[in-house]
Amino acid sequence: MCRNIKTLFNFEPPATELEIRDAALQFVRKLSGFNVPSQANEAAFDHAVAQVADSARELIASMRTTAAPRDREVEAAKARARTAARFGA
């Protein structure tokens, strides 16, 4: 499940709220072991996603680097090339 969590720091354009929430959701899914929580656990699950998203947002905002921002399209092309090399075209 966590293979879907992408690096969100130091990209141009910066990470969107949706990307941060999606990463938080994947993280909580991994920790809980559930893709979809039961009705009994739904409130706790949603609260955990919100807290992780808040922490991720705070972390990304507070981090500093001297490196130039990475381009999303360039990184996506690199990932596609790695996948093609690994699994074939």
Protein backbone atom coordinates (compact mmCIF):
# COMPACT_ATOMS: atom_id res chain seq x y z
CA MET A 1 0.00 0.00 0.00
CA CYS A 2 2.72 2.52 0.88
CA ARG A 3 4.23 2.29 -2.59
CA ASN A 4 1.63 4.88 -3.56
CA ILE A 5 2.97 7.48 -1.14
CA LYS A 6 5.04 9.94 -3.15
CA THR A 7 7.65 12.45 -2.08
CA LEU A 8 5.89 15.78 -1.59
CA PHE A 9 8.74 18.08 -0.57
CA ASN A 10 10.69 20.37 -2.90
CA PHE A 11 8.56 20.11 -6.03
CA GLU A 12 7.45 22.79 -8.42
CA PRO A 13 4.52 23.27 -8.32
CA PRO A 14 4.26 22.49 -4.58
CA ALA A 15 2.21 19.61 -3.22
CA THR A 16 -1.52 20.20 -3.29
CA GLU A 17 -3.92 19.64 -0.40
CA LEU A 18 -5.29 16.60 -2.23
CA GLU A 19 -1.81 15.06 -2.58
CA ILE A 20 -1.11 15.61 1.12
CA ARG A 21 -4.46 14.11 2.12
CA ASP A 22 -3.98 11.14 -0.21
CA ALA A 23 -0.55 10.43 1.31
CA ALA A 24 -2.04 10.68 4.81
CA LEU A 25 -4.86 8.32 3.84
CA GLN A 26 -2.39 5.75 2.47
CA PHE A 27 -0.31 6.00 5.63
CA VAL A 28 -3.31 5.46 7.91
CA ARG A 29 -4.48 2.58 5.72
CA LYS A 30 -1.07 0.95 6.09
CA LEU A 31 -1.00 1.42 9.87
CA SER A 32 -4.56 0.20 10.41
CA GLY A 33 -4.45 -2.63 7.89
CA PHE A 34 -7.79 -1.54 6.40
CA ASN A 35 -8.55 0.07 3.06
CA VAL A 36 -11.97 1.07 4.33
CA PRO A 37 -12.72 1.21 8.05
CA SER A 38 -15.79 -0.34 9.62
CA GLN A 39 -18.57 1.98 10.71
CA ALA A 40 -17.42 1.52 14.30
CA ASN A 41 -13.92 2.76 13.42
CA GLU A 42 -14.76 5.34 10.76
CA ALA A 43 -14.55 8.39 13.07
CA ALA A 44 -11.19 7.31 14.50
CA PHE A 45 -9.89 6.55 10.99
CA ASP A 46 -10.99 9.94 9.61
CA HIS A 47 -9.53 11.72 12.64
CA ALA A 48 -6.20 9.93 12.15
CA VAL A 49 -6.12 10.91 8.46
CA ALA A 50 -6.74 14.57 9.38
CA GLN A 51 -4.01 14.52 12.03
CA VAL A 52 -1.45 12.90 9.72
CA ALA A 53 -2.33 15.38 6.95
CA ASP A 54 -1.86 18.30 9.38
CA SER A 55 1.51 16.92 10.48
CA ALA A 56 2.62 16.38 6.88
CA ARG A 57 1.56 19.90 5.91
CA GLU A 58 3.47 21.33 8.89
CA LEU A 59 6.55 19.25 8.08
CA ILE A 60 6.60 20.27 4.41
CA ALA A 61 6.14 23.94 5.30
CA SER A 62 8.96 23.92 7.86
CA MET A 63 11.58 22.07 5.80
CA ARG A 64 14.29 24.05 3.98
CA THR A 65 16.70 23.10 1.23
CA THR A 66 19.25 24.74 -1.02
CA ALA A 67 18.49 22.31 -3.84
CA ALA A 68 16.50 23.51 -6.79
CA PRO A 69 12.87 22.35 -6.83
CA ARG A 70 12.27 19.16 -8.78
CA ASP A 71 9.98 19.17 -11.77
CA ARG A 72 7.04 16.77 -11.47
CA GLU A 73 7.06 15.87 -15.17
CA VAL A 74 10.78 15.09 -15.17
CA GLU A 75 10.43 12.89 -12.08
CA ALA A 76 7.40 11.11 -13.59
CA ALA A 77 9.40 10.41 -16.77
CA LYS A 78 12.24 8.95 -14.69
CA ALA A 79 9.77 6.72 -12.85
CA ARG A 80 8.27 5.50 -16.13
CA ALA A 81 11.77 4.72 -17.44
CA ARG A 82 12.59 2.74 -14.27
CA THR A 83 9.34 0.81 -14.60
CA ALA A 84 10.01 0.04 -18.26
CA ALA A 85 13.52 -1.16 -17.42
CA ARG A 86 12.22 -3.31 -14.59
CA PHE A 87 9.13 -4.82 -16.20
CA GLY A 88 9.72 -4.25 -19.91
CA ALA A 89 7.71 -2.18 -22.34
